[in-house]
Amino acid sequence: MSAHTHGQSRGLPLVPCQTATPTITTTIEVPDGRRELAFETASVDTGSWAVFADYPTYVRWRYRGDAPTFAREMRVAEGTTGIGGDILYLGAHTTHERTVDGQRQVLVVPATAEGVAVTATLDALASARQRLATAPGAEPVYAIALPAGVETAAAGRADGNAFWVAADARRDGTTWVHEYLHTQQRFRHDDATVWFTEGSADHFADLYAYYDGRQSFEQFRAATTTDEDALVVLSALSAPRQGAYTKGQRVAAALDQRIRNATDGARSLRDVVARLNADGGELTNERIRLAAEAVAGGSLNSWFDTYVDGAAVPDLPATPSSYRPLTAVDTDGDGLTNLQETELGTDPRHTDADRDGLGDTREADGPTDPRLADTDDDGLPDGTEADGPTDPTVADTDGDGLADGTERDAGSDPTVADTDGDGLADGPERDAGTDPTTPDTDADGLPDAVEVDGPTDPTRADTDGDGLADDQETEGPTNPTVADTDGDGLTDGAERDGGSNPTRADTDGDGLADGAERDLGSDPTSADTDGDGFRDAREAAAGTDPTEATGLVDFWVARLFGLL
């Protein structure tokens, strides 16, 4: 893969010629097949894709008369798909972009890159843009998600208006923001000042991650207060300059605090960056100090001597109130700043973090919890309960023993303890197996409350299965829980239908129980069914048929033979 740079000179040509606007073209071949990005290296070509940093070309000329102008542009070779600015991505890709405060932010996602959180990344970059004290121009920025499969010595790399982030460094957005901030720095560092460019970028990347809820305050402070490389003298750094990222971040954070304290929180380190951006050029520690003094409104000579030119390590406050944002960023536009949402425990990127139908702003002041879709855990989302009739902070609004959601599903009224007015609260009805929406679940004529407190089963119309509904037996004379009240072998219902007395075992007093008479075919309500003058019991004992008249002789003969 290759790229071309073109230059045009207007005015006196660079070499003697007749061309009014001469062009110089330089072709740069990116090494094919390399799969390693060494430290401070921005370009690599794997064969199937490549990233390429703008190759510096230097042009010198002499002229007489009006000063010539020189325009530069970079193009990819014909047939190559590429996108970017000072760093190009060459290969198949998709782009996702937003315009924030006049700046296009373009996220380049190669076809082979996996696990790129597009929305979260763009949100993080947008937040960083909004938090800059003075936006350094509207030049577009290109953020490239580097595919896996390439060994990288750094988590990311920025050059001019573009940067890439390695595949294993995209987790919480801090590397994206760190490299983005480099694209917004309009000054150049050397070994003595790299602590400021890297340390401030690290500090802001972690601070903004805390503001935006991508890491906790404890995680932010742990990154800021590391003792790693504590003995390094920042102004005397040399390659590989690791102390710029560790102690440099701590000193940058401490300078931020020093300025906040001196200005009662009105200014911060970002104002120092804005001043240095306005001047551009090469950084020196004296320039950094003078800019910080102008922002803080006092001398910082001793402070820089101690922490930049010396090996001392500054202390940092442990309370979140010391790190309040100077710019209110509200990513989701719900009226709560990102930091307010972070402290609430909600998601600054969603207006309704718990997806309960109530916006975070409405829940922020209570009574419901904006982190829980169902604050009272009753089975109904807060949004369903917020406007009544149930209480979203009380699981059982009517106190009947059933959660509001359970009542909604069952059809009972969650605002009335006894929905059907049968004297039994809805919760006890569920426990008893009765229907809380019907006063008489088994339709036996007895209210459920009466049956629950009594001997009968409120879910069975005929508790004892004798053919008589419970309400027919409750007032007597039969027992609704005993199928055969008099124990004569006939159920109470059968006796009622047959005309016998269900409370007397021998209704007709003939010596035969009603059940026995049914088996013989005799009438349990008539002592002498066949009217032959012999009681049914005597005929049964003699062996004669109590349903057919028997003569006197026949009776005694049958009786005599029955006794032999």
Protein backbone atom coordinates (compact mmCIF):
# COMPACT_ATOMS: atom_id res chain seq x y z
CA MET A 1 0.00 0.00 0.00
CA SER A 2 1.23 3.47 -0.66
CA ALA A 3 0.35 7.11 -0.17
CA HIS A 4 1.34 10.23 -2.05
CA THR A 5 2.04 13.77 -0.86
CA HIS A 6 1.68 16.63 -3.27
CA GLY A 7 3.03 20.14 -2.89
CA GLN A 8 2.38 23.20 -4.98
CA SER A 9 4.47 26.36 -4.99
CA ARG A 10 2.99 29.63 -6.09
CA GLY A 11 5.38 32.41 -7.06
CA LEU A 12 8.95 31.79 -8.18
CA PRO A 13 9.41 28.07 -9.02
CA LEU A 14 11.62 25.92 -6.83
CA VAL A 15 13.78 25.10 -9.85
CA PRO A 16 14.15 26.99 -13.09
CA CYS A 17 11.16 26.11 -15.21
CA GLN A 18 8.22 27.64 -17.01
CA THR A 19 5.48 26.00 -14.84
CA ALA A 20 3.28 28.57 -13.13
CA THR A 21 2.26 26.21 -10.33
CA PRO A 22 4.87 23.44 -10.03
CA THR A 23 3.99 20.26 -8.15
CA ILE A 24 6.23 17.97 -6.12
CA THR A 25 4.98 14.43 -5.55
CA THR A 26 6.47 12.05 -2.98
CA THR A 27 5.41 8.41 -2.86
CA ILE A 28 5.83 6.59 0.46
CA GLU A 29 5.61 2.82 0.57
CA VAL A 30 4.40 1.40 3.88
CA PRO A 31 6.36 -1.81 4.66
CA ASP A 32 4.17 -4.81 3.81
CA GLY A 33 3.46 -7.61 6.23
CA ARG A 34 4.77 -6.01 9.42
CA ARG A 35 2.68 -6.77 12.50
CA GLU A 36 4.40 -4.70 15.14
CA LEU A 37 4.04 -1.09 16.17
CA ALA A 38 7.07 -0.03 18.14
CA PHE A 39 6.90 2.78 20.69
CA GLU A 40 6.19 6.15 19.04
CA THR A 41 5.54 4.41 15.73
CA ALA A 42 2.25 5.23 14.06
CA SER A 43 2.39 3.28 10.78
CA VAL A 44 1.98 -0.41 10.03
CA ASP A 45 0.87 -2.48 7.04
CA THR A 46 -0.40 -6.02 7.59
CA GLY A 47 -1.10 -6.66 3.94
CA SER A 48 -4.88 -6.61 4.35
CA TRP A 49 -5.02 -3.24 6.12
CA ALA A 50 -2.68 -0.48 7.21
CA VAL A 51 -2.42 2.65 9.28
CA PHE A 52 -0.18 5.35 7.95
CA ALA A 53 1.03 8.52 9.61
CA ASP A 54 1.53 11.62 7.51
CA TYR A 55 5.11 11.49 6.34
CA PRO A 56 6.90 14.79 6.90
CA THR A 57 8.34 16.32 3.76
CA TYR A 58 10.47 19.41 3.98
CA VAL A 59 10.60 21.98 1.23
CA ARG A 60 12.93 24.98 1.06
CA TRP A 61 12.96 27.73 -1.50
CA ARG A 62 14.31 31.15 -2.35
CA TYR A 63 12.29 33.83 -3.98
CA ARG A 64 12.23 37.41 -5.05
CA GLY A 65 9.15 39.59 -4.89
CA ASP A 66 5.95 38.33 -3.29
CA ALA A 67 6.30 35.44 -0.85
CA PRO A 68 5.13 32.16 -2.40
CA THR A 69 2.48 29.99 -0.77
CA PHE A 70 2.76 26.25 -0.32
CA ALA A 71 -0.23 23.89 -0.13
CA ARG A 72 0.12 20.27 0.97
CA GLU A 73 -2.26 17.34 0.64
CA MET A 74 -2.02 13.59 1.18
CA ARG A 75 -3.77 11.05 -1.04
CA VAL A 76 -3.91 7.28 -1.02
CA ALA A 77 -2.92 5.34 -4.11
CA GLU A 78 -5.59 4.60 -6.66
CA GLY A 79 -7.64 1.51 -5.84
CA THR A 80 -6.99 1.83 -2.10
CA THR A 81 -9.79 2.59 0.34
CA GLY A 82 -8.61 5.03 2.97
CA ILE A 83 -9.87 7.55 5.49
CA GLY A 84 -8.34 9.80 8.07
CA GLY A 85 -6.29 12.92 8.53
CA ASP A 86 -2.71 12.99 9.71
CA ILE A 87 -3.10 9.26 10.30
CA LEU A 88 -4.85 7.29 7.58
CA TYR A 89 -6.55 3.93 7.81
CA LEU A 90 -6.24 1.93 4.60
CA GLY A 91 -8.68 -0.94 4.19
CA ALA A 92 -12.35 -1.86 4.43
CA HIS A 93 -14.13 0.03 7.22
CA THR A 94 -17.26 1.80 8.40
CA THR A 95 -17.45 5.29 9.86
CA HIS A 96 -19.61 6.79 12.60
CA GLU A 97 -19.52 10.48 13.30
CA ARG A 98 -20.95 13.36 15.27
CA THR A 99 -20.45 17.09 15.21
CA VAL A 100 -19.77 18.49 18.68
CA ASP A 101 -19.24 22.21 19.26
CA GLY A 102 -18.53 22.62 15.56
CA GLN A 103 -16.02 19.77 15.35
CA ARG A 104 -16.60 16.59 13.33
CA GLN A 105 -15.56 13.55 15.32
CA VAL A 106 -15.21 10.54 13.04
CA LEU A 107 -14.87 7.05 14.48
CA VAL A 108 -13.29 4.67 11.96
CA VAL A 109 -14.15 1.01 12.60
CA PRO A 110 -12.19 -1.39 10.38
CA ALA A 111 -14.07 -4.41 9.04
CA THR A 112 -11.80 -6.69 11.07
CA ALA A 113 -12.09 -4.76 14.36
CA GLU A 114 -14.24 -6.45 16.97
CA GLY A 115 -15.93 -5.25 20.15
CA VAL A 116 -15.94 -1.53 19.33
CA ALA A 117 -18.51 0.24 21.53
CA VAL A 118 -19.45 2.86 18.96
CA THR A 119 -22.01 4.87 20.93
CA ALA A 120 -20.03 4.81 24.17
CA THR A 121 -16.86 5.87 22.38
CA LEU A 122 -18.53 8.76 20.59
CA ASP A 123 -20.15 9.81 23.88
CA ALA A 124 -16.75 9.87 25.60
CA LEU A 125 -15.18 11.93 22.81
CA ALA A 126 -18.12 14.35 22.74
CA SER A 127 -17.90 14.85 26.49
CA ALA A 128 -14.17 15.58 26.27
CA ARG A 129 -14.77 18.13 23.52
CA GLN A 130 -17.41 19.91 25.59
CA ARG A 131 -15.14 20.08 28.63
CA LEU A 132 -12.29 21.90 26.87
CA ALA A 133 -11.93 25.42 28.27
CA THR A 134 -11.43 26.87 24.80
CA ALA A 135 -12.10 24.71 21.76
CA PRO A 136 -8.87 24.83 19.71
CA GLY A 137 -10.59 24.93 16.33
CA ALA A 138 -13.08 22.95 14.33
CA GLU A 139 -10.67 20.73 12.40
CA PRO A 140 -12.17 17.22 12.14
CA VAL A 141 -10.70 14.47 14.29
CA TYR A 142 -10.35 10.86 13.17
CA ALA A 143 -10.39 8.12 15.81
CA ILE A 144 -9.32 4.71 14.48
CA ALA A 145 -10.10 1.43 16.26
CA LEU A 146 -6.98 -0.60 15.51
CA PRO A 147 -7.83 -4.25 14.74
CA ALA A 148 -6.32 -7.04 16.80
CA GLY A 149 -3.40 -9.07 15.53
CA VAL A 150 -0.76 -6.34 15.73
CA GLU A 151 1.66 -6.04 18.61
CA THR A 152 1.63 -2.49 19.91
CA ALA A 153 4.07 -0.99 22.37
CA ALA A 154 1.57 1.75 23.25
CA ALA A 155 -2.15 1.72 23.95
CA GLY A 156 -2.68 4.44 21.40
CA ARG A 157 -0.98 6.97 19.21
CA ALA A 158 -2.00 10.45 18.08
CA ASP A 159 -0.56 12.48 15.24
CA GLY A 160 -2.03 15.83 14.26
CA ASN A 161 -5.80 15.46 13.89
CA ALA A 162 -6.01 11.66 14.02
CA PHE A 163 -5.23 8.81 16.38
CA TRP A 164 -5.57 5.06 16.79
CA VAL A 165 -6.32 2.99 19.86
CA ALA A 166 -5.13 -0.60 20.23
CA ALA A 167 -7.67 -3.43 20.46
CA ASP A 168 -6.84 -4.24 24.09
CA ALA A 169 -7.06 -0.62 25.26
CA ARG A 170 -10.69 0.21 24.42
CA ARG A 171 -12.40 -0.92 27.62
CA ASP A 172 -13.49 2.17 29.57
CA GLY A 173 -12.85 4.94 27.07
CA THR A 174 -9.90 6.54 28.87
CA THR A 175 -7.41 5.74 26.10
CA TRP A 176 -9.79 7.15 23.48
CA VAL A 177 -10.03 10.39 25.47
CA HIS A 178 -6.29 10.48 26.23
CA GLU A 179 -5.37 10.27 22.56
CA TYR A 180 -8.15 12.65 21.56
CA LEU A 181 -6.77 15.27 23.95
CA HIS A 182 -3.39 14.98 22.23
CA THR A 183 -5.07 15.97 18.97
CA GLN A 184 -6.31 19.09 20.74
CA GLN A 185 -2.88 20.10 22.06
CA ARG A 186 -1.39 22.82 19.88
CA PHE A 187 2.06 22.73 21.45
CA ARG A 188 5.06 20.40 21.15
CA HIS A 189 6.95 18.76 23.99
CA ASP A 190 10.47 17.51 24.55
CA ASP A 191 11.84 15.13 27.18
CA ALA A 192 11.67 17.84 29.85
CA THR A 193 8.02 18.70 29.22
CA VAL A 194 6.54 15.36 28.11
CA TRP A 195 5.26 14.95 31.68
CA PHE A 196 2.80 17.78 31.02
CA THR A 197 1.44 16.60 27.66
CA GLU A 198 1.08 12.98 28.81
CA GLY A 199 0.31 13.62 32.48
CA SER A 200 -2.40 16.17 31.78
CA ALA A 201 -3.96 13.91 29.12
CA ASP A 202 -3.96 10.99 31.57
CA HIS A 203 -5.39 13.14 34.35
CA PHE A 204 -8.22 14.52 32.24
CA ALA A 205 -8.97 11.12 30.68
CA ASP A 206 -9.44 9.55 34.12
CA LEU A 207 -11.23 12.61 35.55
CA TYR A 208 -13.70 12.68 32.65
CA ALA A 209 -14.23 8.93 32.98
CA TYR A 210 -15.27 9.60 36.59
CA TYR A 211 -17.50 12.52 35.57
CA ASP A 212 -19.17 10.39 32.90
CA GLY A 213 -19.70 7.33 35.07
CA ARG A 214 -17.21 5.10 33.25
CA GLN A 215 -15.22 4.58 36.42
CA SER A 216 -15.78 5.21 40.10
CA PHE A 217 -14.20 8.00 42.11
CA GLU A 218 -12.09 5.40 43.88
CA GLN A 219 -10.76 4.13 40.55
CA PHE A 220 -10.02 7.67 39.41
CA ARG A 221 -8.16 8.49 42.61
CA ALA A 222 -6.21 5.22 42.55
CA ALA A 223 -4.96 6.04 39.05
CA THR A 224 -4.08 9.60 40.08
CA THR A 225 -2.33 8.85 43.37
CA THR A 226 -0.09 6.01 42.18
CA ASP A 227 3.38 5.95 43.76
CA GLU A 228 4.85 4.35 40.65
CA ASP A 229 7.97 6.20 39.46
CA ALA A 230 7.68 8.43 42.53
CA LEU A 231 11.41 9.27 42.61
CA VAL A 232 11.52 10.43 39.00
CA VAL A 233 12.47 14.05 38.38
CA LEU A 234 10.02 15.12 35.69
CA SER A 235 12.13 17.88 34.16
CA ALA A 236 15.00 15.43 33.74
CA LEU A 237 13.14 12.61 31.98
CA SER A 238 14.72 10.63 29.19
CA ALA A 239 13.49 7.71 27.07
CA PRO A 240 11.38 5.66 27.63
CA ARG A 241 9.93 8.46 29.83
CA GLN A 242 7.46 6.20 31.66
CA GLY A 243 7.35 8.59 34.59
CA ALA A 244 5.52 11.06 32.34
CA TYR A 245 2.42 8.85 32.49
CA THR A 246 2.55 7.97 36.18
CA LYS A 247 4.15 10.65 38.28
CA GLY A 248 3.35 13.09 35.48
CA GLN A 249 -0.35 12.38 35.95
CA ARG A 250 -0.08 12.84 39.71
CA VAL A 251 1.73 16.16 39.40
CA ALA A 252 -0.70 17.37 36.72
CA ALA A 253 -3.62 16.46 39.01
CA ALA A 254 -1.95 18.27 41.92
CA LEU A 255 -1.41 21.37 39.76
CA ASP A 256 -5.09 21.18 38.84
CA GLN A 257 -5.95 21.17 42.55
CA ARG A 258 -3.59 24.03 43.30
CA ILE A 259 -5.30 26.18 40.66
CA ARG A 260 -8.81 25.20 41.80
CA ASN A 261 -7.98 26.11 45.39
CA ALA A 262 -6.40 29.44 44.39
CA THR A 263 -9.44 30.44 42.30
CA ASP A 264 -12.20 29.03 44.53
CA GLY A 265 -12.96 26.44 41.88
CA ALA A 266 -13.42 28.97 39.08
CA ARG A 267 -10.44 27.74 37.04
CA SER A 268 -8.45 24.58 36.60
CA LEU A 269 -5.62 22.97 34.68
CA ARG A 270 -7.71 23.04 31.51
CA ASP A 271 -7.29 26.84 31.48
CA VAL A 272 -3.53 26.37 31.48
CA VAL A 273 -3.83 24.06 28.48
CA ALA A 274 -5.98 26.65 26.73
CA ARG A 275 -3.33 29.35 27.25
CA LEU A 276 -0.56 27.12 25.98
CA ASN A 277 -2.70 26.15 23.00
CA ALA A 278 -3.21 29.79 22.11
CA ASP A 279 0.54 30.35 21.92
CA GLY A 280 1.45 26.96 20.39
CA GLY A 281 5.08 26.20 19.69
CA GLU A 282 7.66 24.35 21.78
CA LEU A 283 6.86 23.77 25.44
CA THR A 284 9.24 24.59 28.24
CA ASN A 285 8.63 24.13 31.92
CA GLU A 286 8.95 27.88 32.33
CA ARG A 287 6.13 28.41 29.83
CA ILE A 288 4.00 25.90 31.70
CA ARG A 289 4.73 27.63 35.01
CA LEU A 290 4.00 31.11 33.68
CA ALA A 291 0.72 29.95 32.16
CA ALA A 292 -0.26 28.27 35.43
CA GLU A 293 0.63 31.40 37.42
CA ALA A 294 -1.47 33.55 35.10
CA VAL A 295 -4.44 31.24 35.64
CA ALA A 296 -3.94 30.77 39.39
CA GLY A 297 -3.10 34.41 40.05
CA GLY A 298 0.05 33.82 42.10
CA SER A 299 3.62 32.55 42.06
CA LEU A 300 4.26 28.84 41.59
CA ASN A 301 8.05 28.98 41.55
CA SER A 302 8.46 26.99 44.71
CA TRP A 303 5.80 24.49 43.69
CA PHE A 304 7.49 23.74 40.34
CA ASP A 305 10.90 23.55 42.04
CA THR A 306 9.51 20.93 44.43
CA TYR A 307 7.46 18.70 42.15
CA VAL A 308 8.75 19.26 38.59
CA ASP A 309 12.44 19.96 39.18
CA GLY A 310 12.54 17.91 42.38
CA ALA A 311 11.66 14.34 43.35
CA ALA A 312 8.89 15.15 45.84
CA VAL A 313 5.42 13.64 45.40
CA PRO A 314 2.39 15.92 45.95
CA ASP A 315 -0.59 14.90 48.06
CA LEU A 316 -4.09 14.89 46.58
CA PRO A 317 -7.48 15.32 48.29
CA ALA A 318 -9.60 12.23 48.87
CA THR A 319 -13.04 13.81 48.55
CA PRO A 320 -15.07 14.02 45.34
CA SER A 321 -16.04 17.63 46.10
CA SER A 322 -12.45 18.67 45.35
CA TYR A 323 -12.79 17.61 41.72
CA ARG A 324 -16.05 19.25 40.62
CA PRO A 325 -16.37 19.83 36.87
CA LEU A 326 -16.15 23.38 35.59
CA THR A 327 -18.36 22.60 32.59
CA ALA A 328 -21.73 20.93 32.99
CA VAL A 329 -22.04 18.14 30.44
CA ASP A 330 -25.39 16.37 30.06
CA THR A 331 -24.85 13.63 27.48
CA ASP A 332 -28.42 12.34 27.47
CA GLY A 333 -30.02 15.78 27.78
CA ASP A 334 -32.24 14.84 30.71
CA GLY A 335 -31.41 17.84 32.87
CA LEU A 336 -28.96 15.98 35.11
CA THR A 337 -25.27 16.50 34.49
CA ASN A 338 -23.10 13.47 33.87
CA LEU A 339 -21.49 13.84 37.28
CA GLN A 340 -24.87 14.12 39.02
CA GLU A 341 -25.90 10.89 37.33
CA THR A 342 -22.61 9.25 38.26
CA GLU A 343 -23.20 10.15 41.91
CA LEU A 344 -26.80 8.92 41.68
CA GLY A 345 -25.61 5.66 40.19
CA THR A 346 -27.55 6.17 36.94
CA ASP A 347 -26.22 6.05 33.39
CA PRO A 348 -25.37 9.51 32.00
CA ARG A 349 -26.00 8.20 28.49
CA HIS A 350 -29.65 7.22 29.04
CA THR A 351 -32.53 9.43 30.16
CA ASP A 352 -34.16 6.49 31.94
CA ALA A 353 -31.30 4.41 33.29
CA ASP A 354 -33.46 1.69 34.86
CA ARG A 355 -35.91 1.60 31.92
CA ASP A 356 -38.94 1.83 34.23
CA GLY A 357 -40.79 4.48 32.26
CA LEU A 358 -39.77 7.31 34.60
CA GLY A 359 -36.93 9.60 33.55
CA ASP A 360 -33.89 9.89 35.81
CA THR A 361 -34.69 13.55 36.43
CA ARG A 362 -38.11 12.72 37.89
CA GLU A 363 -36.71 9.95 40.07
CA ALA A 364 -33.63 11.90 41.21
CA ASP A 365 -35.60 13.67 43.96
CA GLY A 366 -37.47 10.53 44.98
CA PRO A 367 -39.43 8.83 46.19
CA THR A 368 -38.48 6.07 43.73
CA ASP A 369 -34.95 4.81 43.09
CA PRO A 370 -33.66 5.79 39.62
CA ARG A 371 -31.38 2.74 39.64
CA LEU A 372 -34.20 0.24 40.15
CA ALA A 373 -36.98 -0.35 37.64
CA ASP A 374 -39.22 -1.62 40.46
CA THR A 375 -38.28 0.25 43.62
CA ASP A 376 -40.59 -1.71 45.94
CA ASP A 377 -40.04 -5.03 44.14
CA ASP A 378 -43.76 -5.68 43.84
CA GLY A 379 -43.73 -6.78 40.22
CA LEU A 380 -44.91 -3.42 38.83
CA PRO A 381 -42.40 -0.99 37.22
CA ASP A 382 -42.18 2.40 38.90
CA GLY A 383 -43.55 4.06 35.78
CA THR A 384 -46.72 2.00 36.07
CA GLU A 385 -47.24 3.00 39.70
CA ALA A 386 -45.93 6.57 39.70
CA ASP A 387 -49.25 8.17 38.80
CA GLY A 388 -51.31 5.83 40.93
CA PRO A 389 -53.33 4.22 42.12
CA THR A 390 -50.68 2.07 43.80
CA ASP A 391 -47.65 3.32 45.72
CA PRO A 392 -44.33 2.63 43.91
CA THR A 393 -42.45 2.56 47.23
CA VAL A 394 -44.77 0.10 49.01
CA ALA A 395 -44.91 -3.45 47.70
CA ASP A 396 -48.40 -4.08 49.12
CA THR A 397 -50.31 -0.83 48.84
CA ASP A 398 -53.51 -2.05 50.50
CA GLY A 399 -51.76 -4.21 53.10
CA ASP A 400 -53.75 -7.32 52.26
CA GLY A 401 -50.78 -9.66 52.08
CA LEU A 402 -50.52 -9.64 48.28
CA ALA A 403 -47.92 -7.61 46.34
CA ASP A 404 -49.40 -5.06 43.95
CA GLY A 405 -48.06 -6.90 40.93
CA THR A 406 -49.53 -10.18 42.13
CA GLU A 407 -52.93 -8.54 42.49
CA ARG A 408 -52.75 -7.03 39.03
CA ASP A 409 -52.02 -10.46 37.55
CA ALA A 410 -54.75 -12.12 39.62
CA GLY A 411 -57.37 -9.49 38.81
CA SER A 412 -57.87 -8.27 42.36
CA ASP A 413 -57.70 -4.61 43.33
CA PRO A 414 -54.28 -3.68 44.78
CA THR A 415 -55.81 -0.66 46.52
CA VAL A 416 -58.62 -2.56 48.31
CA ALA A 417 -57.69 -5.13 50.94
CA ASP A 418 -60.85 -7.18 50.37
CA THR A 419 -61.59 -6.84 46.68
CA ASP A 420 -64.80 -8.90 46.67
CA GLY A 421 -66.05 -7.68 50.06
CA ASP A 422 -66.58 -11.18 51.41
CA GLY A 423 -64.94 -10.42 54.74
CA LEU A 424 -61.71 -12.18 53.79
CA ALA A 425 -58.65 -10.12 52.75
CA ASP A 426 -57.17 -10.90 49.36
CA GLY A 427 -53.96 -12.37 50.81
CA PRO A 428 -55.69 -14.91 53.05
CA GLU A 429 -57.97 -15.81 50.13
CA ARG A 430 -54.94 -16.73 48.06
CA ASP A 431 -53.62 -18.84 50.93
CA ALA A 432 -57.00 -20.55 51.25
CA GLY A 433 -57.21 -21.15 47.52
CA THR A 434 -60.30 -18.99 47.08
CA ASP A 435 -60.91 -16.34 44.45
CA PRO A 436 -60.35 -12.82 45.88
CA THR A 437 -62.62 -11.36 43.21
CA THR A 438 -65.63 -13.59 44.03
CA PRO A 439 -67.37 -13.50 47.45
CA ASP A 440 -68.47 -17.14 47.16
CA THR A 441 -65.76 -19.00 45.27
CA ASP A 442 -67.55 -22.36 45.19
CA ALA A 443 -71.02 -20.82 44.70
CA ASP A 444 -72.46 -22.90 47.54
CA GLY A 445 -74.32 -20.01 49.13
CA LEU A 446 -71.78 -19.47 51.88
CA PRO A 447 -69.33 -16.51 51.70
CA ASP A 448 -65.68 -17.52 51.59
CA ALA A 449 -64.96 -15.85 54.93
CA VAL A 450 -67.65 -17.98 56.63
CA GLU A 451 -66.27 -21.17 55.20
CA VAL A 452 -62.62 -20.29 55.95
CA ASP A 453 -63.56 -19.72 59.59
CA GLY A 454 -65.87 -22.74 59.66
CA PRO A 455 -65.58 -26.44 58.99
CA THR A 456 -66.49 -26.42 55.31
CA ASP A 457 -64.20 -26.10 52.30
CA PRO A 458 -64.69 -22.71 50.55
CA THR A 459 -63.48 -24.19 47.27
CA ARG A 460 -66.01 -27.06 47.22
CA ALA A 461 -69.76 -26.42 47.01
CA ASP A 462 -70.45 -29.77 48.70
CA THR A 463 -67.66 -30.30 51.17
CA ASP A 464 -68.65 -33.84 52.15
CA GLY A 465 -69.82 -34.85 48.67
CA ASP A 466 -73.20 -36.07 49.94
CA GLY A 467 -75.27 -34.32 47.31
CA LEU A 468 -76.28 -31.41 49.53
CA ALA A 469 -74.60 -28.01 49.09
CA ASP A 470 -72.87 -26.71 52.19
CA ASP A 471 -75.39 -23.92 52.74
CA GLN A 472 -78.20 -26.53 52.83
CA GLU A 473 -76.48 -28.31 55.67
CA THR A 474 -74.86 -25.48 57.59
CA GLU A 475 -78.01 -24.56 59.49
CA GLY A 476 -78.75 -28.22 60.12
CA PRO A 477 -79.99 -30.70 60.72
CA THR A 478 -77.31 -32.57 58.75
CA ASN A 479 -73.55 -32.16 59.11
CA PRO A 480 -71.96 -30.51 56.01
CA THR A 481 -68.66 -32.27 56.66
CA VAL A 482 -70.12 -35.81 57.05
CA ALA A 483 -71.71 -37.41 54.00
CA ASP A 484 -73.92 -39.76 56.09
CA THR A 485 -74.91 -37.78 59.15
CA ASP A 486 -76.91 -40.60 60.82
CA GLY A 487 -74.56 -43.38 59.71
CA ASP A 488 -77.34 -45.46 58.20
CA GLY A 489 -75.54 -46.21 54.96
CA LEU A 490 -77.35 -43.58 52.93
CA THR A 491 -75.82 -40.19 52.12
CA ASP A 492 -77.70 -37.17 53.36
CA GLY A 493 -78.56 -36.14 49.81
CA ALA A 494 -79.88 -39.60 48.97
CA GLU A 495 -82.08 -39.52 52.05
CA ARG A 496 -83.41 -36.13 51.20
CA ASP A 497 -84.24 -37.28 47.71
CA GLY A 498 -85.68 -40.55 48.98
CA GLY A 499 -87.77 -38.95 51.69
CA SER A 500 -86.01 -40.59 54.64
CA ASN A 501 -84.66 -38.64 57.56
CA PRO A 502 -80.91 -38.11 57.16
CA THR A 503 -80.57 -37.55 60.91
CA ARG A 504 -82.30 -40.87 61.94
CA ALA A 505 -80.68 -44.14 61.01
CA ASP A 506 -84.10 -45.93 61.00
CA THR A 507 -86.54 -43.33 59.74
CA ASP A 508 -89.66 -45.56 60.02
CA GLY A 509 -88.60 -47.29 63.25
CA ASP A 510 -89.14 -50.75 61.80
CA GLY A 511 -85.85 -52.12 63.04
CA LEU A 512 -84.07 -51.84 59.71
CA ALA A 513 -81.63 -49.00 59.06
CA ASP A 514 -82.52 -46.88 56.07
CA GLY A 515 -79.50 -48.11 54.13
CA ALA A 516 -80.43 -51.73 54.74
CA GLU A 517 -83.94 -51.05 53.54
CA ARG A 518 -82.60 -49.57 50.34
CA ASP A 519 -80.59 -52.76 49.80
CA LEU A 520 -83.71 -54.92 50.42
CA GLY A 521 -85.86 -52.68 48.29
CA SER A 522 -88.19 -51.84 51.15
CA ASP A 523 -89.40 -48.34 51.94
CA PRO A 524 -87.34 -46.75 54.73
CA THR A 525 -90.23 -44.43 55.50
CA SER A 526 -92.77 -47.26 56.03
CA ALA A 527 -92.41 -49.83 58.82
CA ASP A 528 -94.46 -52.38 56.82
CA THR A 529 -93.66 -51.74 53.21
CA ASP A 530 -96.02 -54.43 51.78
CA GLY A 531 -98.79 -53.84 54.38
CA ASP A 532 -99.02 -57.55 55.27
CA GLY A 533 -98.99 -56.90 58.99
CA PHE A 534 -95.37 -57.91 59.45
CA ARG A 535 -92.75 -55.19 59.99
CA ASP A 536 -90.03 -55.09 57.41
CA ALA A 537 -87.39 -56.05 59.97
CA ARG A 538 -89.39 -59.19 61.04
CA GLU A 539 -89.79 -60.22 57.42
CA ALA A 540 -86.13 -59.69 56.79
CA ALA A 541 -85.34 -61.83 59.83
CA ALA A 542 -87.82 -64.57 58.77
CA GLY A 543 -86.55 -64.56 55.23
CA THR A 544 -89.75 -63.37 53.63
CA ASP A 545 -89.91 -60.53 51.14
CA PRO A 546 -90.87 -57.27 52.89
CA THR A 547 -91.99 -55.81 49.59
CA GLU A 548 -94.64 -58.53 48.92
CA ALA A 549 -97.52 -59.41 51.27
CA THR A 550 -96.93 -62.66 53.16
CA GLY A 551 -99.70 -64.85 54.67
CA LEU A 552 -99.68 -65.82 58.34
CA VAL A 553 -98.95 -69.49 57.70
CA ASP A 554 -96.25 -68.70 55.16
CA PHE A 555 -94.63 -66.29 57.54
CA TRP A 556 -94.44 -68.76 60.41
CA VAL A 557 -93.31 -71.60 58.20
CA ALA A 558 -90.53 -69.36 56.84
CA ARG A 559 -89.67 -68.31 60.32
CA LEU A 560 -89.67 -71.91 61.59
CA PHE A 561 -87.40 -73.12 58.82
CA GLY A 562 -85.22 -70.08 59.33
CA LEU A 563 -84.67 -71.12 62.91
CA LEU A 564 -83.83 -74.77 62.12
